[in-house]
N, C-alpha and C. Protein backbone atom coordinates (compact mmCIF):
# COMPACT_ATOMS: atom_id res chain seq x y z
N UNK A 1 15.35 5.08 -2.30
CA UNK A 1 15.14 4.06 -3.32
C UNK A 1 14.19 2.99 -2.83
N UNK A 2 14.37 2.57 -1.58
CA UNK A 2 13.52 1.53 -1.02
C UNK A 2 12.08 2.02 -0.89
N UNK A 3 11.93 3.30 -0.53
CA UNK A 3 10.59 3.85 -0.39
C UNK A 3 9.86 3.89 -1.73
N UNK A 4 10.59 4.17 -2.80
CA UNK A 4 9.96 4.18 -4.13
C UNK A 4 9.52 2.79 -4.54
N UNK A 5 10.34 1.80 -4.23
CA UNK A 5 9.94 0.41 -4.55
C UNK A 5 8.74 0.00 -3.71
N UNK A 6 8.73 0.40 -2.45
CA UNK A 6 7.60 0.09 -1.57
C UNK A 6 6.33 0.76 -2.08
N UNK A 7 6.45 1.99 -2.55
CA UNK A 7 5.30 2.72 -3.06
C UNK A 7 4.81 2.13 -4.39
N UNK A 8 5.66 1.43 -5.12
CA UNK A 8 5.27 0.85 -6.39
C UNK A 8 4.55 -0.49 -6.23
N UNK A 9 4.61 -1.08 -5.05
CA UNK A 9 3.97 -2.39 -4.84
C UNK A 9 2.47 -2.41 -5.15
N UNK A 10 1.67 -1.45 -4.69
CA UNK A 10 0.23 -1.50 -5.03
C UNK A 10 -0.02 -1.43 -6.54
N UNK A 11 0.74 -0.60 -7.22
CA UNK A 11 0.61 -0.50 -8.67
C UNK A 11 0.89 -1.85 -9.33
N UNK A 12 1.98 -2.47 -8.91
CA UNK A 12 2.36 -3.77 -9.47
C UNK A 12 1.32 -4.83 -9.11
N UNK A 13 0.88 -4.82 -7.87
CA UNK A 13 -0.08 -5.82 -7.41
C UNK A 13 -1.41 -5.76 -8.14
N UNK A 14 -1.89 -4.56 -8.37
CA UNK A 14 -3.20 -4.44 -9.02
C UNK A 14 -3.09 -4.66 -10.53
N UNK A 15 -2.16 -3.98 -11.17
CA UNK A 15 -2.11 -4.06 -12.63
C UNK A 15 -1.51 -5.35 -13.15
N UNK A 16 -0.46 -5.82 -12.53
CA UNK A 16 0.20 -7.01 -13.05
C UNK A 16 -0.32 -8.30 -12.43
N UNK A 17 -0.97 -8.20 -11.27
CA UNK A 17 -1.46 -9.40 -10.61
C UNK A 17 -2.82 -9.86 -11.08
N UNK A 18 -3.64 -8.93 -11.56
CA UNK A 18 -5.02 -9.28 -11.94
C UNK A 18 -5.09 -10.35 -13.03
N UNK A 19 -4.28 -10.30 -14.07
CA UNK A 19 -4.39 -11.38 -15.08
C UNK A 19 -4.11 -12.77 -14.53
N UNK A 20 -3.34 -12.87 -13.47
CA UNK A 20 -3.01 -14.17 -12.90
C UNK A 20 -4.09 -14.70 -11.96
N UNK A 21 -4.93 -13.81 -11.43
CA UNK A 21 -6.00 -14.24 -10.51
C UNK A 21 -7.38 -14.03 -11.12
N UNK A 22 -7.47 -13.88 -12.42
CA UNK A 22 -8.73 -13.62 -13.08
C UNK A 22 -9.58 -14.90 -13.16
N UNK A 23 -10.12 -15.26 -12.01
CA UNK A 23 -10.98 -16.44 -11.89
C UNK A 23 -12.17 -16.10 -11.00
N UNK A 24 -13.23 -16.84 -11.18
CA UNK A 24 -14.39 -16.68 -10.30
C UNK A 24 -14.21 -17.53 -9.05
N UNK A 25 -13.71 -18.72 -9.21
CA UNK A 25 -13.48 -19.62 -8.08
C UNK A 25 -12.03 -19.53 -7.67
N UNK A 26 -11.67 -19.58 -6.46
CA UNK A 26 -12.46 -19.75 -5.26
C UNK A 26 -13.11 -18.43 -4.82
N UNK A 27 -14.14 -18.56 -4.01
CA UNK A 27 -14.78 -17.39 -3.44
C UNK A 27 -14.08 -17.07 -2.11
N UNK A 28 -13.76 -15.80 -1.92
CA UNK A 28 -13.14 -15.35 -0.68
C UNK A 28 -14.07 -14.32 -0.06
N UNK A 29 -14.62 -14.66 1.09
CA UNK A 29 -15.61 -13.82 1.76
C UNK A 29 -16.78 -13.50 0.84
N UNK A 30 -17.15 -14.44 0.00
CA UNK A 30 -18.27 -14.28 -0.91
C UNK A 30 -17.94 -13.53 -2.18
N UNK A 31 -16.69 -13.14 -2.34
CA UNK A 31 -16.28 -12.40 -3.54
C UNK A 31 -15.47 -13.30 -4.45
N UNK A 32 -15.59 -13.13 -5.75
CA UNK A 32 -14.70 -13.85 -6.66
C UNK A 32 -13.25 -13.49 -6.37
N UNK A 33 -12.35 -14.38 -6.73
CA UNK A 33 -10.93 -14.18 -6.42
C UNK A 33 -10.40 -12.87 -6.96
N UNK A 34 -10.76 -12.49 -8.17
CA UNK A 34 -10.24 -11.25 -8.75
C UNK A 34 -10.71 -10.02 -7.97
N UNK A 35 -11.95 -10.02 -7.51
CA UNK A 35 -12.46 -8.89 -6.73
C UNK A 35 -11.80 -8.85 -5.36
N UNK A 36 -11.62 -10.00 -4.74
CA UNK A 36 -10.93 -10.05 -3.45
C UNK A 36 -9.49 -9.57 -3.59
N UNK A 37 -8.84 -9.90 -4.70
CA UNK A 37 -7.47 -9.44 -4.96
C UNK A 37 -7.41 -7.92 -5.03
N UNK A 38 -8.34 -7.33 -5.74
CA UNK A 38 -8.36 -5.87 -5.89
C UNK A 38 -8.66 -5.20 -4.55
N UNK A 39 -9.61 -5.73 -3.80
CA UNK A 39 -9.93 -5.17 -2.48
C UNK A 39 -8.71 -5.27 -1.56
N UNK A 40 -8.03 -6.41 -1.60
CA UNK A 40 -6.83 -6.59 -0.79
C UNK A 40 -5.80 -5.52 -1.12
N UNK A 41 -5.57 -5.26 -2.39
CA UNK A 41 -4.55 -4.28 -2.76
C UNK A 41 -4.98 -2.85 -2.48
N UNK A 42 -6.26 -2.56 -2.49
CA UNK A 42 -6.71 -1.22 -2.10
C UNK A 42 -6.42 -0.99 -0.63
N UNK A 43 -6.70 -1.98 0.20
CA UNK A 43 -6.41 -1.87 1.64
C UNK A 43 -4.90 -1.80 1.87
N UNK A 44 -4.16 -2.65 1.17
CA UNK A 44 -2.71 -2.65 1.34
C UNK A 44 -2.08 -1.35 0.83
N UNK A 45 -2.71 -0.70 -0.14
CA UNK A 45 -2.20 0.60 -0.61
C UNK A 45 -2.19 1.62 0.52
N UNK A 46 -3.26 1.65 1.30
CA UNK A 46 -3.33 2.57 2.43
C UNK A 46 -2.27 2.23 3.47
N UNK A 47 -2.09 0.94 3.75
CA UNK A 47 -1.09 0.52 4.73
C UNK A 47 0.32 0.87 4.25
N UNK A 48 0.61 0.57 2.99
CA UNK A 48 1.94 0.84 2.44
C UNK A 48 2.22 2.34 2.39
N UNK A 49 1.24 3.14 2.00
CA UNK A 49 1.46 4.58 1.96
C UNK A 49 1.66 5.15 3.37
N UNK A 50 1.00 4.56 4.36
CA UNK A 50 1.25 4.96 5.75
C UNK A 50 2.68 4.64 6.17
N UNK A 51 3.17 3.47 5.77
CA UNK A 51 4.56 3.11 6.06
C UNK A 51 5.54 4.04 5.36
N UNK A 52 5.26 4.36 4.12
CA UNK A 52 6.13 5.27 3.38
C UNK A 52 6.16 6.63 4.07
N UNK A 53 5.02 7.09 4.54
CA UNK A 53 4.97 8.37 5.25
C UNK A 53 5.80 8.32 6.53
N UNK A 54 5.68 7.24 7.29
CA UNK A 54 6.42 7.12 8.54
C UNK A 54 7.92 6.95 8.32
N UNK A 55 8.32 6.29 7.25
CA UNK A 55 9.73 6.03 7.00
C UNK A 55 10.43 7.14 6.23
N UNK A 56 9.67 8.08 5.70
CA UNK A 56 10.26 9.15 4.89
C UNK A 56 11.08 10.09 5.78
N UNK A 57 12.36 10.27 5.48
CA UNK A 57 13.20 11.11 6.33
C UNK A 57 12.76 12.57 6.38
N UNK A 58 12.16 13.07 5.33
CA UNK A 58 11.69 14.47 5.34
C UNK A 58 10.58 14.65 6.37
N UNK A 59 9.68 13.67 6.45
CA UNK A 59 8.60 13.77 7.43
C UNK A 59 9.13 13.65 8.85
N UNK A 60 10.12 12.80 9.06
CA UNK A 60 10.72 12.68 10.40
C UNK A 60 11.42 13.96 10.79
N UNK A 61 12.12 14.60 9.87
CA UNK A 61 12.82 15.85 10.18
C UNK A 61 11.83 16.96 10.51
N UNK A 62 10.73 17.04 9.75
CA UNK A 62 9.75 18.09 10.02
C UNK A 62 9.02 17.84 11.33
N UNK A 63 8.82 16.58 11.69
CA UNK A 63 8.19 16.26 12.97
C UNK A 63 9.10 16.64 14.12
N UNK A 64 10.39 16.42 13.97
CA UNK A 64 11.34 16.77 15.03
C UNK A 64 11.42 18.29 15.19
N UNK A 65 11.43 19.01 14.08
CA UNK A 65 11.50 20.47 14.17
C UNK A 65 10.22 21.05 14.77
N UNK A 66 9.08 20.45 14.46
CA UNK A 66 7.82 20.89 15.04
C UNK A 66 7.79 20.62 16.55
N UNK A 67 8.37 19.48 16.95
CA UNK A 67 8.42 19.15 18.38
C UNK A 67 9.36 20.09 19.12
N UNK A 68 10.47 20.46 18.50
CA UNK A 68 11.41 21.39 19.11
C UNK A 68 10.79 22.79 19.23
N UNK A 69 9.96 23.16 18.27
CA UNK A 69 9.32 24.46 18.31
C UNK A 69 8.31 24.54 19.45
N UNK A 70 7.68 23.43 19.78
CA UNK A 70 6.71 23.40 20.88
C UNK A 70 7.39 23.52 22.23
N UNK A 71 8.63 23.06 22.33
CA UNK A 71 9.33 23.06 23.63
C UNK A 71 9.82 24.42 24.01
């Protein structure tokens, strides 16, 4: 359940957050706030999906079985 909520964060951040940051000012790294917001969530999507992959019990079980097979 927690992994599903974690995986939903990028969706929520991009779709529901954009109307609240739809401004040109302030500029962040030379980008308007709305563009910086979207870039932030694209990067965070990769980070969050990496965390979901690492925390997923199915992936941990398959990694352990693969390690046992090598031994």
